[in-house]
Every structure is written in structure tokens, then in C-alpha cells.
C-alpha atoms as a PDB file:
ATOM      1  CA  UNK A   1      -5.621  -0.233 -13.583  1.00  0.00           C
ATOM      2  CA  UNK A   2      -1.915   0.526 -13.932  1.00  0.00           C
ATOM      3  CA  UNK A   3      -0.833   4.152 -14.165  1.00  0.00           C
ATOM      4  CA  UNK A   4      -3.568   6.600 -13.157  1.00  0.00           C
ATOM      5  CA  UNK A   5      -4.595   9.132 -15.812  1.00  0.00           C
ATOM      6  CA  UNK A   6      -3.481  12.092 -13.692  1.00  0.00           C
ATOM      7  CA  UNK A   7       0.022  10.611 -13.443  1.00  0.00           C
ATOM      8  CA  UNK A   8       0.089  10.059 -17.225  1.00  0.00           C
ATOM      9  CA  UNK A   9      -0.722  13.776 -17.691  1.00  0.00           C
ATOM     10  CA  UNK A  10       2.067  14.778 -15.270  1.00  0.00           C
ATOM     11  CA  UNK A  11       4.537  12.427 -16.955  1.00  0.00           C
ATOM     12  CA  UNK A  12       3.737  13.962 -20.355  1.00  0.00           C
ATOM     13  CA  UNK A  13       5.523  17.134 -19.254  1.00  0.00           C
ATOM     14  CA  UNK A  14       7.729  15.903 -16.353  1.00  0.00           C
ATOM     15  CA  UNK A  15       9.179  12.921 -18.150  1.00  0.00           C
ATOM     16  CA  UNK A  16      10.695  10.228 -15.932  1.00  0.00           C
ATOM     17  CA  UNK A  17      11.946  12.622 -13.203  1.00  0.00           C
ATOM     18  CA  UNK A  18      11.229  11.851  -9.547  1.00  0.00           C
ATOM     19  CA  UNK A  19       7.630  12.305  -8.412  1.00  0.00           C
ATOM     20  CA  UNK A  20       6.597  12.216  -4.742  1.00  0.00           C
ATOM     21  CA  UNK A  21       3.205  10.509  -4.639  1.00  0.00           C
ATOM     22  CA  UNK A  22       0.510   9.651  -2.097  1.00  0.00           C
ATOM     23  CA  UNK A  23       0.335   5.906  -1.708  1.00  0.00           C
ATOM     24  CA  UNK A  24      -2.061   3.780   0.301  1.00  0.00           C
ATOM     25  CA  UNK A  25      -1.509   0.169   1.275  1.00  0.00           C
ATOM     26  CA  UNK A  26      -4.062  -2.196   2.823  1.00  0.00           C
ATOM     27  CA  UNK A  27      -3.587  -5.155   5.137  1.00  0.00           C
ATOM     28  CA  UNK A  28      -6.881  -7.010   4.698  1.00  0.00           C
ATOM     29  CA  UNK A  29      -7.972  -9.738   7.084  1.00  0.00           C
ATOM     30  CA  UNK A  30     -10.882 -12.122   6.638  1.00  0.00           C
ATOM     31  CA  UNK A  31     -13.074 -13.582   9.369  1.00  0.00           C
ATOM     32  CA  UNK A  32     -10.597 -16.461   9.829  1.00  0.00           C
ATOM     33  CA  UNK A  33      -7.707 -14.017  10.446  1.00  0.00           C
ATOM     34  CA  UNK A  34      -6.048 -14.772   7.118  1.00  0.00           C
ATOM     35  CA  UNK A  35      -4.390 -11.920   5.234  1.00  0.00           C
ATOM     36  CA  UNK A  36      -5.075 -11.105   1.585  1.00  0.00           C
ATOM     37  CA  UNK A  37      -1.991 -10.998  -0.637  1.00  0.00           C
ATOM     38  CA  UNK A  38      -1.372 -10.467  -4.330  1.00  0.00           C
ATOM     39  CA  UNK A  39       1.597 -11.595  -6.451  1.00  0.00           C
ATOM     40  CA  UNK A  40       2.518  -8.437  -8.288  1.00  0.00           C
ATOM     41  CA  UNK A  41       2.792  -8.505 -12.094  1.00  0.00           C
ATOM     42  CA  UNK A  42       5.610  -5.898 -12.095  1.00  0.00           C
ATOM     43  CA  UNK A  43       7.957  -7.643  -9.621  1.00  0.00           C
ATOM     44  CA  UNK A  44       6.586 -11.181  -9.329  1.00  0.00           C
ATOM     45  CA  UNK A  45       6.696 -10.869  -5.552  1.00  0.00           C
ATOM     46  CA  UNK A  46       3.911 -11.368  -3.003  1.00  0.00           C
ATOM     47  CA  UNK A  47       2.696  -8.266  -1.239  1.00  0.00           C
ATOM     48  CA  UNK A  48      -0.236  -6.552   0.403  1.00  0.00           C
ATOM     49  CA  UNK A  49      -2.557  -4.488  -1.789  1.00  0.00           C
ATOM     50  CA  UNK A  50      -1.798  -0.861  -2.542  1.00  0.00           C
ATOM     51  CA  UNK A  51      -1.973   1.975  -4.951  1.00  0.00           C
ATOM     52  CA  UNK A  52      -1.927   5.706  -5.610  1.00  0.00           C
ATOM     53  CA  UNK A  53      -4.665   8.004  -4.331  1.00  0.00           C
ATOM     54  CA  UNK A  54      -6.546   9.920  -7.001  1.00  0.00           C
ATOM     55  CA  UNK A  55      -6.695  13.701  -6.524  1.00  0.00           C
ATOM     56  CA  UNK A  56      -9.179  14.496  -3.724  1.00  0.00           C
ATOM     57  CA  UNK A  57      -9.579  10.837  -2.764  1.00  0.00           C
ATOM     58  CA  UNK A  58      -9.426   9.998   0.970  1.00  0.00           C
ATOM     59  CA  UNK A  59      -6.936   7.243   2.011  1.00  0.00           C
ATOM     60  CA  UNK A  60      -9.683   4.842   3.192  1.00  0.00           C
ATOM     61  CA  UNK A  61     -11.476   5.230  -0.131  1.00  0.00           C
ATOM     62  CA  UNK A  62      -8.229   4.527  -1.941  1.00  0.00           C
ATOM     63  CA  UNK A  63      -7.665   1.323   0.069  1.00  0.00           C
ATOM     64  CA  UNK A  64     -11.211   0.076  -0.541  1.00  0.00           C
ATOM     65  CA  UNK A  65     -11.002   0.883  -4.280  1.00  0.00           C
ATOM     66  CA  UNK A  66      -7.554  -0.678  -4.753  1.00  0.00           C
ATOM     67  CA  UNK A  67      -8.451  -3.870  -2.882  1.00  0.00           C
ATOM     68  CA  UNK A  68     -11.580  -4.333  -5.002  1.00  0.00           C
ATOM     69  CA  UNK A  69      -9.884  -3.422  -8.299  1.00  0.00           C
ATOM     70  CA  UNK A  70      -7.002  -5.828  -7.745  1.00  0.00           C
ATOM     71  CA  UNK A  71      -8.724  -8.727  -5.944  1.00  0.00           C
ATOM     72  CA  UNK A  72     -12.568  -8.430  -6.247  1.00  0.00           C
ATOM     73  CA  UNK A  73     -12.751  -8.402  -2.421  1.00  0.00           C
ATOM     74  CA  UNK A  74     -14.914  -5.786  -0.730  1.00  0.00           C
ATOM     75  CA  UNK A  75     -13.516  -4.408   2.517  1.00  0.00           C
ATOM     76  CA  UNK A  76     -13.909  -1.701   5.098  1.00  0.00           C
ATOM     77  CA  UNK A  77     -11.039   0.300   6.569  1.00  0.00           C
ATOM     78  CA  UNK A  78     -10.645  -0.080  10.337  1.00  0.00           C
ATOM     79  CA  UNK A  79      -7.630   1.980  11.335  1.00  0.00           C
ATOM     80  CA  UNK A  80      -4.362   3.570  10.265  1.00  0.00           C
ATOM     81  CA  UNK A  81      -1.474   1.170  10.824  1.00  0.00           C
ATOM     82  CA  UNK A  82       1.455   3.383   9.829  1.00  0.00           C
ATOM     83  CA  UNK A  83       2.536   6.441   7.911  1.00  0.00           C
ATOM     84  CA  UNK A  84       5.906   6.227   6.192  1.00  0.00           C
ATOM     85  CA  UNK A  85       7.766   7.916   3.354  1.00  0.00           C
ATOM     86  CA  UNK A  86       9.936   5.575   1.345  1.00  0.00           C
ATOM     87  CA  UNK A  87      13.599   6.331   1.873  1.00  0.00           C
ATOM     88  CA  UNK A  88      14.683   5.749  -1.725  1.00  0.00           C
ATOM     89  CA  UNK A  89      13.008   6.330  -5.054  1.00  0.00           C
ATOM     90  CA  UNK A  90      11.613   3.330  -6.876  1.00  0.00           C
ATOM     91  CA  UNK A  91      12.617   3.201 -10.553  1.00  0.00           C
ATOM     92  CA  UNK A  92      10.117   1.395 -12.814  1.00  0.00           C
ATOM     93  CA  UNK A  93      11.302  -0.563 -15.864  1.00  0.00           C
ATOM     94  CA  UNK A  94      10.269   2.363 -18.124  1.00  0.00           C
ATOM     95  CA  UNK A  95      12.591   4.709 -16.154  1.00  0.00           C
ATOM     96  CA  UNK A  96       9.860   6.539 -14.198  1.00  0.00           C
ATOM     97  CA  UNK A  97      11.089   7.418 -10.712  1.00  0.00           C
ATOM     98  CA  UNK A  98       8.650   7.653  -7.764  1.00  0.00           C
ATOM     99  CA  UNK A  99       8.912   8.054  -4.058  1.00  0.00           C
ATOM    100  CA  UNK A 100       5.812   7.370  -1.967  1.00  0.00           C
ATOM    101  CA  UNK A 101       4.230   8.653   1.208  1.00  0.00           C
ATOM    102  CA  UNK A 102       2.435   5.468   2.288  1.00  0.00           C
ATOM    103  CA  UNK A 103      -0.536   5.430   4.617  1.00  0.00           C
ATOM    104  CA  UNK A 104      -1.169   1.804   5.514  1.00  0.00           C
ATOM    105  CA  UNK A 105      -4.628   0.811   6.712  1.00  0.00           C
ATOM    106  CA  UNK A 106      -5.875  -2.303   8.463  1.00  0.00           C
ATOM    107  CA  UNK A 107      -8.992  -3.488   6.644  1.00  0.00           C
ATOM    108  CA  UNK A 108     -11.640  -6.158   7.155  1.00  0.00           C
ATOM    109  CA  UNK A 109     -13.076  -8.159   4.236  1.00  0.00           C
ATOM    110  CA  UNK A 110     -16.853  -7.936   3.987  1.00  0.00           C
ATOM    111  CA  UNK A 111     -17.546  -9.718   0.700  1.00  0.00           C
ATOM    112  CA  UNK A 112     -16.314 -11.017  -2.628  1.00  0.00           C
ATOM    113  CA  UNK A 113     -14.183 -14.021  -3.602  1.00  0.00           C
ATOM    114  CA  UNK A 114     -10.474 -13.317  -3.949  1.00  0.00           C
ATOM    115  CA  UNK A 115      -9.344 -13.557  -7.550  1.00  0.00           C
ATOM    116  CA  UNK A 116      -7.093 -11.733  -9.991  1.00  0.00           C
ATOM    117  CA  UNK A 117      -9.254  -8.805 -11.022  1.00  0.00           C
ATOM    118  CA  UNK A 118      -6.898  -6.676 -13.135  1.00  0.00           C
ATOM    119  CA  UNK A 119      -3.528  -6.727 -14.868  1.00  0.00           C
ATOM    120  CA  UNK A 120      -1.582  -5.655 -11.769  1.00  0.00           C
ATOM    121  CA  UNK A 121      -1.628  -9.107 -10.170  1.00  0.00           C
ATOM    122  CA  UNK A 122      -0.553 -12.580 -11.265  1.00  0.00           C
ATOM    123  CA  UNK A 123      -2.247 -14.353  -8.377  1.00  0.00           C
ATOM    124  CA  UNK A 124      -4.161 -13.488  -5.198  1.00  0.00           C
ATOM    125  CA  UNK A 125      -5.046 -15.475  -2.113  1.00  0.00           C
ATOM    126  CA  UNK A 126      -5.689 -15.632   1.609  1.00  0.00           C
ATOM    127  CA  UNK A 127      -2.793 -16.747   3.811  1.00  0.00           C
ATOM    128  CA  UNK A 128      -2.530 -17.611   7.519  1.00  0.00           C
ATOM    129  CA  UNK A 129      -0.259 -15.070   9.199  1.00  0.00           C
ATOM    130  CA  UNK A 130       1.999 -17.852  10.458  1.00  0.00           C
ATOM    131  CA  UNK A 131       2.491 -19.310   6.948  1.00  0.00           C
ATOM    132  CA  UNK A 132       3.048 -16.347   4.634  1.00  0.00           C
ATOM    133  CA  UNK A 133       4.948 -16.679   1.363  1.00  0.00           C
ATOM    134  CA  UNK A 134       8.183 -14.723   0.974  1.00  0.00           C
ATOM    135  CA  UNK A 135       7.045 -11.105   0.928  1.00  0.00           C
ATOM    136  CA  UNK A 136       8.376  -7.914  -0.571  1.00  0.00           C
ATOM    137  CA  UNK A 137      10.281  -6.003   2.103  1.00  0.00           C
ATOM    138  CA  UNK A 138       7.720  -3.450   3.223  1.00  0.00           C
ATOM    139  CA  UNK A 139       4.737  -5.897   3.378  1.00  0.00           C
ATOM    140  CA  UNK A 140       6.018  -8.002   6.272  1.00  0.00           C
ATOM    141  CA  UNK A 141       6.414  -5.046   8.630  1.00  0.00           C
ATOM    142  CA  UNK A 142       2.997  -3.641   7.711  1.00  0.00           C
ATOM    143  CA  UNK A 143       1.316  -6.974   8.428  1.00  0.00           C
ATOM    144  CA  UNK A 144       3.058  -7.211  11.810  1.00  0.00           C
ATOM    145  CA  UNK A 145       1.926  -3.679  12.693  1.00  0.00           C
ATOM    146  CA  UNK A 146      -1.652  -4.435  11.574  1.00  0.00           C
ATOM    147  CA  UNK A 147      -1.739  -7.393  13.938  1.00  0.00           C
ATOM    148  CA  UNK A 148      -1.067  -5.170  16.940  1.00  0.00           C
ATOM    149  CA  UNK A 149      -3.524  -2.968  18.787  1.00  0.00           C
ATOM    150  CA  UNK A 150      -0.794  -0.392  19.083  1.00  0.00           C
ATOM    151  CA  UNK A 151      -0.934   3.212  18.019  1.00  0.00           C
ATOM    152  CA  UNK A 152      -0.155   4.302  14.466  1.00  0.00           C
ATOM    153  CA  UNK A 153       3.536   3.686  13.717  1.00  0.00           C
ATOM    154  CA  UNK A 154       5.708   6.602  12.637  1.00  0.00           C
ATOM    155  CA  UNK A 155       9.410   6.346  11.756  1.00  0.00           C
ATOM    156  CA  UNK A 156      11.238   6.637  15.094  1.00  0.00           C
ATOM    157  CA  UNK A 157      14.299   8.165  13.409  1.00  0.00           C
ATOM    158  CA  UNK A 158      12.351  11.394  12.783  1.00  0.00           C
ATOM    159  CA  UNK A 159      13.114  13.973  15.487  1.00  0.00           C
ATOM    160  CA  UNK A 160      10.289  15.232  17.642  1.00  0.00           C
ATOM    161  CA  UNK A 161       9.479  18.937  17.503  1.00  0.00           C
ATOM    162  CA  UNK A 162      11.153  19.632  20.875  1.00  0.00           C
ATOM    163  CA  UNK A 163      14.348  17.861  19.711  1.00  0.00           C
ATOM    164  CA  UNK A 164      15.006  20.281  16.861  1.00  0.00           C
ATOM    165  CA  UNK A 165      17.331  23.241  17.133  1.00  0.00           C
ATOM    166  CA  UNK A 166      15.294  26.209  18.242  1.00  0.00           C
ATOM    167  CA  UNK A 167      12.679  23.950  19.898  1.00  0.00           C
ATOM    168  CA  UNK A 168       8.914  24.293  19.779  1.00  0.00           C
END
């Protein structure tokens, strides 16, 4: 789908300046425990599926929509894997700057045959977790977290409420 219409409208007045956006990424497993990856058209790198939430759209709905739009795979969201704000802005080739608050969800495939389903991907496929292609930086950590039964991961460098000056 590319750039959502609501972002195009914002960019018409904001130009290329930094936007902080709600992102959702999905680590999708099939019944064989393989993970769904896409080779991104913008960077050429392999990654998990992700995208920007539309106004009013819940994160699980975003994950399900993005996975289907990009790969033709139907999935269900199972749990939140992590919540993380990117530390640096990403600058697109057109000069647009974005920083994302990513909510990563573990998902389970329930139908469809993986294929390139839009212009955002060059290739898609299922990969065993012990034989993944070279991944874009953030994808590897998200897959590892999705494989655990652990609690949702939050950046440990963020102080807890009681650690702040003034407490509470």
C-alpha cells in the first residue's frame, strides 16, 4: 500500500519534518514453526512484516491487515511481544523523517499461501528459525522475543516510576 492517505495529508503541510508514528510489526509463525519474512522493496533486506496503524485502528487489526496486504497470509494475533520506540529517526529516500513507536505482536498463520501481494515486498517466504536469512537489525530481536513465553519486553534502560527524582 505504501504511504497511508492520512500520512500524505499530514505531509502536505508538514513537509519532510520528523513525524512520530504508531507502528506495528508481526512475527508470524505457521504450524511447522517457520517464520514469515518479506524482502522489503525499500531496503532490499529481509524482515518481519509491519506497517503504520490507521487512525482508530487497534494494533492487532493493523498486524492482521499488514500481513495480508503484504503476503496474502491470513493470521490471528496471539500476544504482544514488545513495545519499543525507535531511538533514531528513519530518513526515507524522499527525505521524509519518521520515528516509530512499535508494538510487535506474535501471530499465527491461519490461511493463505505466502506470496508477494503488493509493491512493498520483493519476495516473501517461510523460514525455519534456525536458518533465517540475514535480517534487518530490529527483526532478529523481535523473532527471538516472540519465541519466548516471557512477558512483554520493554526497554530496560527506561527508569521505573520509583527511580525518578521525586518518586511515585
